[in-house]
Protein backbone atom coordinates (compact mmCIF):
# COMPACT_ATOMS: atom_id res chain seq x y z
CA MET A 1 -9.30 -17.93 -22.62
CA LYS A 2 -5.66 -16.90 -22.60
CA GLU A 3 -4.61 -14.28 -20.09
CA ILE A 4 -1.51 -12.78 -18.55
CA ILE A 5 -0.61 -14.03 -15.07
CA TYR A 6 2.24 -12.96 -12.81
CA PHE A 7 4.66 -15.37 -11.17
CA GLY A 8 7.07 -13.44 -8.96
CA ASP A 9 9.38 -11.57 -11.33
CA ASP A 10 8.00 -13.44 -14.35
CA VAL A 11 4.87 -12.99 -16.42
CA PHE A 12 3.40 -15.68 -18.64
CA LEU A 13 0.28 -16.55 -20.60
CA HIS A 14 -2.10 -19.15 -19.21
CA ASP A 15 -5.02 -20.76 -21.00
CA PHE A 16 -7.93 -20.66 -18.53
CA SER A 17 -10.90 -22.97 -19.08
CA ASP A 18 -14.28 -21.47 -19.95
CA ASN A 19 -15.76 -22.28 -16.52
CA ILE A 20 -13.33 -19.92 -14.79
CA ASP A 21 -14.63 -16.34 -14.68
CA ILE A 22 -11.99 -13.69 -15.32
CA TYR A 23 -12.09 -10.17 -13.88
CA HIS A 24 -9.93 -7.19 -14.78
CA ALA A 25 -9.33 -3.69 -13.50
CA LYS A 26 -11.20 -0.93 -15.28
CA ASP A 27 -9.37 0.97 -17.98
CA PRO A 28 -7.47 3.99 -16.62
CA MET A 29 -9.66 7.06 -16.34
CA ARG A 30 -8.62 10.02 -18.45
CA PRO A 31 -6.01 12.12 -16.60
CA LEU A 32 -6.48 15.80 -15.87
CA GLU A 33 -5.25 17.88 -18.79
CA ASN A 34 -2.92 20.01 -16.71
CA ALA A 35 -2.03 18.47 -13.34
CA ARG A 36 -0.19 21.56 -12.07
CA ASN A 37 -3.11 23.86 -12.82
CA ALA A 38 -5.55 21.38 -11.26
CA ILE A 39 -3.53 21.29 -8.03
CA LYS A 40 -3.27 25.09 -8.02
CA GLU A 41 -7.02 25.47 -8.59
CA ALA A 42 -7.86 22.99 -5.81
CA ILE A 43 -5.63 24.86 -3.37
CA GLU A 44 -7.13 28.21 -4.36
CA ASN A 45 -10.67 26.84 -3.95
CA PRO A 46 -10.53 24.60 -0.87
CA ILE A 47 -13.45 22.47 0.28
CA GLU A 48 -15.02 23.76 3.53
CA SER A 49 -11.78 25.44 4.59
CA LYS A 50 -10.32 28.91 4.66
CA LYS A 51 -7.77 29.66 1.95
CA LEU A 52 -4.10 29.33 2.84
CA GLY A 53 -3.68 33.11 2.95
CA GLU A 54 -6.40 33.25 5.63
CA LEU A 55 -4.93 30.41 7.71
CA ILE A 56 -1.40 31.80 8.04
CA THR A 57 0.68 34.99 8.04
CA ASN A 58 4.15 35.69 6.70
CA ALA A 59 5.54 34.75 10.14
CA SER A 60 3.88 31.32 10.31
CA GLU A 61 5.74 28.03 10.76
CA ILE A 62 4.62 25.53 8.12
CA SER A 63 4.94 21.74 8.18
CA ILE A 64 4.45 20.15 4.76
CA CYS A 65 3.91 16.41 5.31
CA PHE A 66 3.62 13.73 2.65
CA ASP A 67 3.04 9.99 2.21
CA ASP A 68 6.15 7.80 2.07
CA ILE A 69 7.47 5.58 -0.74
CA SER A 70 4.99 2.77 0.03
CA VAL A 71 2.38 4.56 -2.11
CA PRO A 72 1.70 4.34 -4.95
CA LEU A 73 2.88 0.88 -5.92
CA PRO A 74 5.17 0.74 -7.87
CA PRO A 75 6.46 4.32 -7.56
CA MET A 76 5.31 6.78 -10.23
CA LYS A 77 7.50 7.82 -13.13
CA LYS A 78 6.63 11.44 -12.39
CA ASP A 79 5.47 11.83 -8.83
CA VAL A 80 2.53 14.20 -8.33
CA ARG A 81 3.83 15.01 -4.83
CA ALA A 82 6.64 16.94 -6.52
CA LEU A 83 4.12 19.05 -8.46
CA ALA A 84 2.03 19.68 -5.34
CA ALA A 85 5.11 20.61 -3.30
CA GLU A 86 6.17 23.16 -5.93
CA VAL A 87 2.69 24.71 -6.10
CA ILE A 88 2.45 24.90 -2.29
CA VAL A 89 5.90 26.48 -1.89
CA GLU A 90 5.09 29.04 -4.59
CA LYS A 91 1.88 29.92 -2.76
CA LEU A 92 3.62 30.20 0.61
CA THR A 93 6.29 32.41 -0.97
CA ASP A 94 3.58 34.68 -2.39
CA ILE A 95 2.09 34.98 1.10
CA GLY A 96 5.54 35.97 2.37
CA VAL A 97 6.42 32.89 4.42
CA LYS A 98 10.17 32.66 4.92
CA LYS A 99 11.97 29.68 3.47
CA GLU A 100 13.46 28.80 6.86
CA ASN A 101 9.93 28.55 8.29
CA ILE A 102 8.97 25.70 5.94
CA ARG A 103 9.74 22.10 6.90
CA PHE A 104 8.96 18.84 5.11
CA THR A 105 8.19 15.59 6.95
CA CYS A 106 7.87 12.20 5.27
CA ALA A 107 5.05 10.36 7.06
CA THR A 108 6.71 6.98 7.51
CA GLY A 109 4.91 5.69 10.60
CA LEU A 110 6.72 2.45 11.54
CA HIS A 111 8.05 1.97 8.01
CA ARG A 112 11.71 2.38 7.18
CA LYS A 113 12.97 5.90 6.61
CA CYS A 114 12.99 7.01 3.00
CA THR A 115 16.41 7.43 1.43
CA PRO A 116 17.65 10.77 0.02
CA ARG A 117 17.19 9.35 -3.47
CA GLU A 118 13.57 8.41 -2.71
CA LEU A 119 12.86 11.79 -1.12
CA LYS A 120 14.27 13.52 -4.19
CA HIS A 121 12.00 11.43 -6.42
CA MET A 122 8.88 12.12 -4.35
CA LEU A 123 9.46 15.85 -3.85
CA GLY A 124 11.24 16.54 -7.11
CA LYS A 125 14.78 17.75 -7.65
CA LYS A 126 13.86 21.43 -7.38
CA ILE A 127 12.22 21.19 -3.93
CA TYR A 128 14.66 18.61 -2.62
CA THR A 129 17.66 20.77 -3.55
CA ALA A 130 16.17 23.95 -2.11
CA PHE A 131 15.02 22.38 1.19
CA LYS A 132 17.44 19.48 1.65
CA SER A 133 18.36 20.43 5.23
CA GLN A 134 14.68 20.94 6.12
CA ILE A 135 13.39 17.52 5.01
CA TYR A 136 12.84 14.87 7.70
CA ASN A 137 11.50 11.37 8.13
CA ASN A 138 9.02 10.74 10.93
CA ASP A 139 11.47 9.21 13.42
CA VAL A 140 9.81 7.13 16.16
CA SER A 141 13.08 6.01 17.77
CA LYS A 142 12.95 8.66 20.52
CA LYS A 143 9.91 9.39 22.67
CA ASP A 144 10.49 13.16 22.64
CA ASN A 145 10.12 13.23 18.83
CA HIS A 146 6.35 12.98 19.41
CA VAL A 147 3.91 14.75 21.70
CA SER A 148 0.66 13.60 23.28
CA LEU A 149 -2.55 15.20 22.05
CA GLY A 150 -4.90 13.29 24.32
CA LYS A 151 -6.56 9.91 24.72
CA LEU A 152 -9.69 8.22 23.45
CA THR A 153 -12.34 7.37 26.04
CA THR A 154 -11.15 3.76 25.69
CA GLY A 155 -7.64 4.81 26.77
CA GLU A 156 -5.62 4.78 23.55
CA GLU A 157 -3.17 7.69 23.47
CA ILE A 158 -2.64 9.85 20.39
CA ARG A 159 0.98 10.92 19.98
CA MET A 160 1.97 12.85 16.86
CA ASN A 161 5.16 14.10 15.23
CA LYS A 162 6.45 17.08 17.25
CA LEU A 163 7.68 19.08 14.23
CA ALA A 164 4.23 18.83 12.67
CA VAL A 165 2.27 19.50 15.86
CA GLU A 166 4.28 22.61 16.77
CA ALA A 167 3.79 24.20 13.34
CA ASP A 168 1.10 26.83 12.81
CA LEU A 169 -0.22 24.83 9.88
CA ILE A 170 0.14 21.24 8.63
CA ILE A 171 -0.24 20.91 4.87
CA TYR A 172 -0.60 17.22 4.00
CA LEU A 173 0.17 16.01 0.47
CA ASN A 174 -1.70 12.76 0.07
CA ILE A 175 -1.72 10.20 -2.72
CA THR A 176 -5.05 8.37 -2.64
CA PHE A 177 -4.14 5.15 -4.41
CA THR A 178 -6.50 2.70 -2.66
CA PRO A 179 -9.37 3.14 -0.16
CA LEU A 180 -6.85 2.32 2.56
CA ASN A 181 -5.05 5.62 1.93
CA GLY A 182 -6.03 9.19 2.60
CA GLY A 183 -7.94 11.20 5.15
CA TRP A 184 -7.07 10.69 8.81
CA LYS A 185 -5.42 7.34 8.07
CA SER A 186 -2.42 8.97 6.40
CA ILE A 187 -1.98 11.51 9.20
CA ILE A 188 -2.64 9.35 12.28
CA VAL A 189 -0.52 6.45 11.03
CA GLY A 190 2.10 8.34 9.03
CA LEU A 191 2.83 11.00 11.66
CA GLY A 192 2.09 8.87 14.72
CA ASP A 193 4.44 6.78 16.84
CA PHE A 194 4.04 3.17 18.00
CA THR A 195 1.86 4.23 20.96
CA THR A 196 -0.71 5.52 18.48
CA ILE A 197 -0.29 2.93 15.71
CA ILE A 198 -0.18 -0.39 17.58
CA PRO A 199 -3.72 -0.22 19.09
CA HIS A 200 -5.45 -0.26 15.69
CA HIS A 201 -2.80 -2.31 13.86
CA SER A 202 -3.76 -5.31 15.96
CA PRO A 203 -5.44 -8.60 14.98
CA GLU A 204 -8.41 -7.81 17.23
CA ILE A 205 -9.12 -4.63 15.25
CA LEU A 206 -8.03 -5.83 11.79
CA LYS A 207 -10.36 -8.83 11.86
CA GLU A 208 -13.33 -6.47 12.02
CA GLY A 209 -13.97 -5.70 8.35
CA ALA A 210 -11.82 -5.45 5.22
CA PHE A 211 -9.35 -2.57 5.44
CA MET A 212 -10.13 -1.63 1.81
CA ASP A 213 -13.74 -1.02 2.87
CA PRO A 214 -13.55 2.06 5.13
CA ALA A 215 -17.31 2.15 5.79
CA ASN A 216 -17.19 -1.31 7.40
CA SER A 217 -13.65 -1.41 8.82
CA ARG A 218 -12.95 -1.11 12.54
CA LEU A 219 -9.39 -0.03 11.63
CA HIS A 220 -10.71 3.06 9.83
CA GLU A 221 -13.35 3.70 12.48
CA MET A 222 -10.75 3.82 15.25
CA ILE A 223 -8.37 6.00 13.24
CA TRP A 224 -11.21 8.44 12.50
CA GLU A 225 -12.01 8.51 16.24
CA MET A 226 -8.40 9.52 16.86
CA GLY A 227 -8.50 12.13 14.10
CA ARG A 228 -11.63 13.75 15.42
CA MET A 229 -10.13 13.75 18.91
CA ILE A 230 -7.23 15.95 17.75
CA LYS A 231 -9.05 17.93 15.05
CA ASP A 232 -9.44 21.07 17.17
CA LYS A 233 -5.83 20.93 18.40
CA LEU A 234 -4.21 21.18 14.95
CA THR A 235 -4.74 23.30 11.87
CA ILE A 236 -4.59 20.97 8.87
CA PHE A 237 -4.97 21.75 5.18
CA THR A 238 -5.07 18.57 3.10
CA VAL A 239 -4.28 18.07 -0.59
CA GLU A 240 -5.62 14.67 -1.71
CA MET A 241 -4.50 13.50 -5.13
CA VAL A 242 -6.30 10.57 -6.77
CA LEU A 243 -4.55 8.36 -9.34
CA ASN A 244 -5.83 6.22 -12.19
CA THR A 245 -4.84 2.60 -12.91
CA ARG A 246 -2.23 3.19 -15.63
CA PHE A 247 0.16 0.60 -14.25
CA TYR A 248 2.07 -0.15 -17.45
CA THR A 249 4.24 2.13 -19.59
CA GLY A 250 6.58 1.75 -22.53
CA ILE A 251 7.62 -1.75 -23.59
CA PHE A 252 5.93 -3.27 -20.51
CA GLU A 253 2.59 -1.91 -21.73
CA LYS A 254 3.01 -3.79 -25.00
CA ILE A 255 4.19 -7.06 -23.46
CA TYR A 256 2.40 -7.36 -20.10
CA GLN A 257 -0.93 -5.62 -20.69
CA PRO A 258 -3.88 -7.99 -19.94
CA LEU A 259 -5.68 -9.34 -23.02
CA LYS A 260 -9.18 -8.80 -21.55
CA SER A 261 -11.06 -10.55 -24.38
CA PRO A 262 -11.76 -14.20 -25.21
CA ASP A 263 -11.31 -13.32 -28.87
CA SER A 264 -7.88 -11.74 -28.38
CA LYS A 265 -5.17 -13.31 -30.45
CA VAL A 266 -1.70 -13.04 -29.01
CA PRO A 267 0.74 -11.72 -31.62
CA LEU A 268 3.68 -14.00 -32.31
CA TRP A 269 6.17 -11.29 -31.32
CA ARG A 270 4.52 -11.03 -27.88
CA LYS A 271 4.72 -14.79 -27.33
CA ILE A 272 8.40 -14.72 -28.30
CA ALA A 273 9.08 -11.75 -26.02
CA LEU A 274 7.42 -13.45 -23.04
CA ARG A 275 9.30 -16.67 -23.69
CA PHE A 276 12.57 -14.79 -24.05
CA LEU A 277 12.00 -12.94 -20.76
CA LYS A 278 11.21 -16.23 -19.02
CA PHE A 279 14.72 -17.47 -19.64
CA MET A 280 16.48 -14.28 -18.59
CA PRO A 281 18.56 -14.59 -15.39
CA HIS A 282 16.60 -14.08 -12.16
CA THR A 283 19.08 -11.41 -11.06
CA PHE A 284 18.33 -9.39 -14.18
CA LYS A 285 14.55 -9.68 -13.73
CA ALA A 286 14.85 -8.66 -10.08
CA PHE A 287 17.02 -5.69 -11.13
CA VAL A 288 14.34 -4.56 -13.60
CA ARG A 289 11.53 -5.03 -11.06
CA LYS A 290 13.32 -3.00 -8.40
CA ARG A 291 13.55 -0.07 -10.80
CA LEU A 292 10.08 -0.38 -12.26
CA LYS A 293 8.12 2.87 -12.39
CA ALA A 294 4.39 2.96 -13.09
CA GLY A 295 2.57 5.38 -15.37
CA TYR A 296 -0.13 6.42 -12.90
CA GLU A 297 -1.75 9.76 -13.73
CA LEU A 298 -3.67 12.35 -11.73
CA ILE A 299 -7.45 12.12 -12.19
CA GLY A 300 -8.58 14.36 -9.36
CA VAL A 301 -7.32 16.63 -6.60
CA PHE A 302 -9.28 17.85 -3.58
CA ALA A 303 -7.91 20.32 -1.04
CA GLY A 304 -9.09 21.84 2.21
CA GLU A 305 -10.91 20.26 5.17
CA ILE A 306 -9.54 16.77 5.69
CA GLU A 307 -12.75 14.73 5.93
CA LYS A 308 -14.69 16.54 3.20
CA ALA A 309 -11.77 16.41 0.77
CA HIS A 310 -11.33 12.71 1.52
CA GLU A 311 -15.01 11.99 0.84
CA LYS A 312 -14.68 13.41 -2.66
CA ALA A 313 -11.36 11.64 -3.25
CA LEU A 314 -12.82 8.30 -2.14
CA SER A 315 -15.87 8.73 -4.39
CA LEU A 316 -13.67 9.28 -7.45
CA LEU A 317 -11.35 6.43 -6.45
CA HIS A 318 -14.31 4.03 -6.20
CA GLU A 319 -15.38 5.09 -9.69
CA GLN A 320 -11.94 4.05 -10.94
CA LEU A 321 -11.34 0.92 -8.87
CA VAL A 322 -14.62 -0.84 -8.03
CA VAL A 323 -15.42 -3.80 -10.29
CA PRO A 324 -18.74 -5.70 -9.98
CA ILE A 325 -18.42 -9.44 -9.26
CA LYS A 326 -21.24 -11.82 -10.24
CA HIS A 327 -21.31 -13.86 -7.02
CA GLN A 328 -19.11 -15.34 -4.32
CA TYR A 329 -16.65 -18.03 -5.41
CA ASP A 330 -15.30 -21.25 -3.92
CA VAL A 331 -11.87 -20.55 -5.41
CA ILE A 332 -10.11 -17.35 -6.49
CA ILE A 333 -6.84 -17.37 -8.44
CA TYR A 334 -4.25 -14.58 -8.31
CA GLY A 335 -0.98 -14.02 -10.07
CA VAL A 336 1.34 -12.57 -7.43
CA PRO A 337 4.28 -10.38 -8.51
CA ASN A 338 7.23 -9.85 -6.18
CA VAL A 339 5.92 -6.37 -5.42
CA SER A 340 4.44 -5.07 -2.16
CA PRO A 341 4.32 -1.71 -0.39
CA TYR A 342 7.13 -2.83 1.91
CA ASN A 343 9.82 -4.14 -0.43
CA ILE A 344 10.51 -1.14 -2.65
CA GLY A 345 14.00 -1.76 -4.05
CA SER A 346 14.16 -5.08 -2.20
CA SER A 347 13.00 -8.71 -2.27
CA LEU A 348 9.60 -10.19 -1.45
CA ASN A 349 10.23 -12.30 1.63
CA PRO A 350 7.81 -14.98 2.97
CA LEU A 351 6.31 -12.66 5.61
CA LEU A 352 5.54 -10.08 2.92
CA LEU A 353 4.04 -12.81 0.72
CA HIS A 354 1.70 -13.66 3.60
CA ALA A 355 0.72 -9.98 4.02
CA LEU A 356 0.20 -9.58 0.29
CA VAL A 357 -2.06 -12.63 -0.10
CA SER A 358 -3.93 -12.99 3.24
CA GLY A 359 -3.81 -9.23 3.72
CA TYR A 360 -3.96 -7.02 0.65
CA LEU A 361 -5.41 -9.40 -1.95
CA TYR A 362 -7.98 -10.92 0.38
CA ASN A 363 -9.02 -7.44 1.59
CA MET A 364 -9.52 -6.03 -1.92
CA TYR A 365 -13.29 -5.77 -1.66
CA ILE A 366 -16.15 -3.68 -0.33
CA GLY A 367 -19.34 -5.15 1.10
CA LYS A 368 -19.46 -8.94 0.86
CA PRO A 369 -16.16 -10.80 0.24
CA PRO A 370 -15.88 -12.33 -3.24
CA LEU A 371 -14.47 -15.55 -1.72
CA LYS A 372 -16.87 -17.78 0.18
CA LYS A 373 -16.14 -18.51 3.84
CA GLU A 374 -13.59 -21.36 3.96
CA GLY A 375 -12.90 -20.91 0.25
CA LEU A 376 -9.55 -21.56 -1.42
CA ILE A 377 -7.03 -19.12 -2.83
CA ILE A 378 -4.62 -20.18 -5.55
CA ILE A 379 -1.57 -17.99 -6.07
CA SER A 380 1.07 -18.07 -8.77
CA ASN A 381 4.39 -17.22 -7.09
CA PRO A 382 7.73 -18.98 -6.50
CA ALA A 383 7.50 -18.37 -2.72
CA ASN A 384 11.22 -17.78 -2.38
CA GLU A 385 12.91 -17.65 1.00
CA LYS A 386 14.87 -14.48 0.36
CA PHE A 387 15.28 -11.75 2.98
CA ASP A 388 16.88 -8.34 2.68
CA LYS A 389 18.47 -8.17 6.11
CA LYS A 390 19.14 -4.46 5.73
CA GLN A 391 15.48 -3.49 5.24
CA HIS A 392 13.85 -6.39 7.09
CA PRO A 393 16.07 -7.65 9.93
CA SER A 394 13.18 -8.22 12.34
CA TYR A 395 11.15 -9.90 9.59
CA TYR A 396 13.80 -12.58 9.21
CA ASP A 397 13.98 -13.20 12.96
CA PHE A 398 10.19 -13.28 13.30
CA TYR A 399 9.93 -15.78 10.44
CA GLU A 400 12.62 -18.07 11.86
CA ASN A 401 11.90 -17.81 15.58
CA VAL A 402 8.17 -17.14 15.80
CA LEU A 403 6.30 -17.99 12.61
CA ARG A 404 7.83 -21.45 12.27
CA GLN A 405 6.30 -22.30 15.67
CA LYS A 406 2.79 -21.76 14.22
CA PRO A 407 1.83 -19.06 16.76
CA ASP A 408 -1.65 -17.98 17.77
CA ILE A 409 -2.02 -14.60 16.05
CA PHE A 410 -4.06 -13.32 19.01
CA ASN A 411 -1.39 -14.27 21.54
CA LEU A 412 1.70 -12.36 20.39
CA LYS A 413 1.62 -9.27 22.62
CA THR A 414 4.72 -10.28 24.60
CA ILE A 415 6.71 -10.89 21.40
CA GLU A 416 5.35 -7.65 19.94
CA GLN A 417 6.75 -5.74 22.93
CA GLU A 418 10.11 -7.53 22.65
CA TYR A 419 10.42 -6.52 19.00
CA LEU A 420 9.24 -3.01 19.82
CA HIS A 421 12.03 -2.33 22.35
CA ASP A 422 14.84 -4.47 20.90
CA LYS A 423 17.95 -2.23 20.83
CA LYS A 424 19.43 -3.91 17.75
CA TYR A 425 16.29 -3.28 15.70
CA LEU A 426 16.01 0.30 16.98
CA LYS A 427 19.58 1.03 15.97
CA LEU A 428 19.09 -0.43 12.48
CA TYR A 429 15.83 1.49 12.10
CA LYS A 430 17.44 4.77 13.19
CA GLU A 431 20.70 4.48 11.26
CA ASN A 432 20.33 1.98 8.42
CA PHE A 433 16.92 2.34 6.68
CA ALA A 434 15.43 -0.75 8.33
CA TYR A 435 11.77 -1.22 9.15
CA HIS A 436 10.97 -0.71 12.81
CA GLY A 437 11.36 -3.96 14.76
CA THR A 438 7.69 -4.21 15.65
CA HIS A 439 6.65 -3.95 11.99
CA ALA A 440 7.32 -7.70 11.68
CA PRO A 441 4.48 -8.83 13.99
CA ILE A 442 2.29 -6.04 12.60
CA ILE A 443 2.77 -7.30 9.04
CA TYR A 444 1.74 -10.75 10.25
CA TYR A 445 -1.39 -9.23 11.82
CA TRP A 446 -2.13 -7.58 8.46
CA GLY A 447 -3.23 -10.98 7.10
CA VAL A 448 -5.57 -11.89 9.96
CA LEU A 449 -8.77 -11.64 7.88
CA GLY A 450 -7.41 -14.11 5.33
CA LEU A 451 -6.15 -16.45 8.05
CA LEU A 452 -9.62 -16.54 9.63
CA ASN A 453 -11.62 -16.99 6.42
CA VAL A 454 -9.53 -18.91 3.86
CA SER A 455 -9.35 -22.69 4.34
CA LYS A 456 -6.16 -23.14 2.29
CA ILE A 457 -3.76 -21.19 0.07
CA ILE A 458 -2.34 -23.25 -2.79
CA VAL A 459 0.91 -22.00 -4.30
CA ALA A 460 1.38 -22.90 -7.95
CA GLY A 461 5.07 -23.24 -8.82
CA ALA A 462 6.45 -22.90 -5.27
CA LYS A 463 10.21 -23.34 -5.13
CA ASN A 464 10.81 -23.60 -1.38
CA GLN A 465 9.06 -26.19 0.75
CA LYS A 466 10.20 -24.58 4.00
CA VAL A 467 8.28 -21.40 3.10
CA ILE A 468 5.20 -23.47 2.27
CA THR A 469 5.39 -25.37 5.56
CA THR A 470 6.06 -22.28 7.65
CA LEU A 471 3.18 -20.31 6.15
CA GLY A 472 0.82 -23.31 6.25
CA TYR A 473 0.30 -23.28 2.48
CA GLN A 474 0.11 -26.19 0.01
CA ALA A 475 2.29 -26.40 -3.07
CA THR A 476 1.77 -27.71 -6.59
CA LYS A 477 4.09 -27.91 -9.56
CA ASN A 478 2.10 -25.52 -11.74
CA LEU A 479 -1.22 -23.69 -12.10
CA ASP A 480 -3.05 -26.53 -13.85
CA GLU A 481 -2.18 -28.87 -10.98
CA ALA A 482 -3.29 -26.24 -8.48
CA ILE A 483 -6.69 -25.95 -10.19
CA LYS A 484 -6.99 -29.74 -10.27
CA LEU A 485 -6.20 -29.93 -6.54
CA ALA A 486 -8.75 -27.21 -5.78
CA LYS A 487 -11.45 -29.18 -7.60
CA LYS A 488 -10.50 -32.27 -5.63
CA MET A 489 -10.85 -30.31 -2.39
CA LYS A 490 -14.00 -28.35 -3.28
CA GLY A 491 -15.68 -30.58 -5.87
CA ASN A 492 -15.55 -30.63 -9.67
CA ASP A 493 -18.45 -28.22 -9.92
CA CYS A 494 -16.90 -25.61 -7.59
CA SER A 495 -17.03 -22.00 -8.76
CA MET A 496 -13.72 -20.39 -9.75
CA ALA A 497 -12.55 -16.93 -10.76
CA TYR A 498 -9.25 -15.42 -11.84
CA PHE A 499 -8.66 -11.88 -10.61
CA CYS A 500 -6.18 -10.42 -13.10
CA ILE A 501 -4.06 -8.13 -10.90
CA PRO A 502 -2.13 -5.83 -11.50
CA PRO A 503 -3.55 -3.30 -12.15
CA ILE A 504 -5.46 -3.48 -8.87
CA PHE A 505 -9.22 -3.34 -8.49
CA ILE A 506 -11.71 -3.50 -5.62
CA ALA A 507 -14.30 -6.27 -5.92
CA LYS A 508 -17.96 -5.56 -5.18
CA THR A 509 -20.09 -8.70 -5.14
CA GLU A 510 -23.55 -8.16 -6.60
């Protein structure tokens, strides 16, 4: 069966043999007919919460917080956060809240700060222009930017953004794009500082359950413990917006859309277009990828009490994303585009490739993992050694100075602290839109579940042997050779599946 498969910034057709099962994301659910009205209705009829007019007065200080540019992936053509921000501001104005009493905070956690251009895209031109001087990124560079709200019984301190904490009401605009997003996770991580984030973004915690499976994830369990610890100390009104899987738009929808049927015949024009794009300069393809916008649409919005709204959002998201898998496999194949939550407008470096494969792709399941213990993963990606030293300065240093030494992932606390307090990284984070220094070891931790359960990752079409050696992968010339090698390692009768991503889906093994 022929099917589309990604290879970095390229996409090509591959003829998979009949003994390889192929899985696809579900078709996009029908979007809400009028997104603005749906958001307005959800806000007017909150779930297990008082209405906004009952929570505040015209003298109240309001902190409107929102997810950063890492979700959704890629960014939306028309961001629903902009619609929600407009509806919220209109409602606050009706209540009589003064404009100067409304602040916006981008919940960046330890991510890089969002640029003015990105903030304008997320909040919309109208809101951005009106509130430009009242829009902030969650800045963790100074300790007094966050305040302590208490500690868990196990000792972990919860420190949250001061601007948000001191407001009379936090209104959180949340995009629920995967089961990893939403609820307390967005607030605790997005508005927290490193004191709050590092304890659960650790290999010891991340190895306990897939982070796309909240019901069985120690990461989510600990974050919910933190949320419930501070619940009575803050007044929070959440607006959770759930998206469908409409990844492709325009010409990309015609060229890159998965075939999904063994009987599909590929039109000659599509074959020519794919071949033509293959020979385009890499710089051009990277330029296009960096500006790619997805066609995601709003399929549900739930406002009010944070946990109850999240329950409903998660239920709808599972309806859209969860795909049944026949059984566990010895080998799973993925096409891997040069796209991750942490390289928006940038390159996919080797550390991000590790996080994408051993982290995100491996964790894309609920219940039992679709890959058998000690199974193989085959990825289609050039594995380039390209770093954006503006966005990822600590990533480059971690790759060169730590990762090449084949470290024990459970023995990096000293290095983690060095990266956390490094003055060069702090300065670049504060002034130059760089990821926080300690995000480099954290992104390595993100792949711990894959590191512990996958026997080998085979990279079809790898271009850089140093990357392969550093990450502990194995390279082959192309996908056919990778499949042949996998059969040699696991036996000719080994079970194989191709997970056609993007669009993303969450596997549920029957």
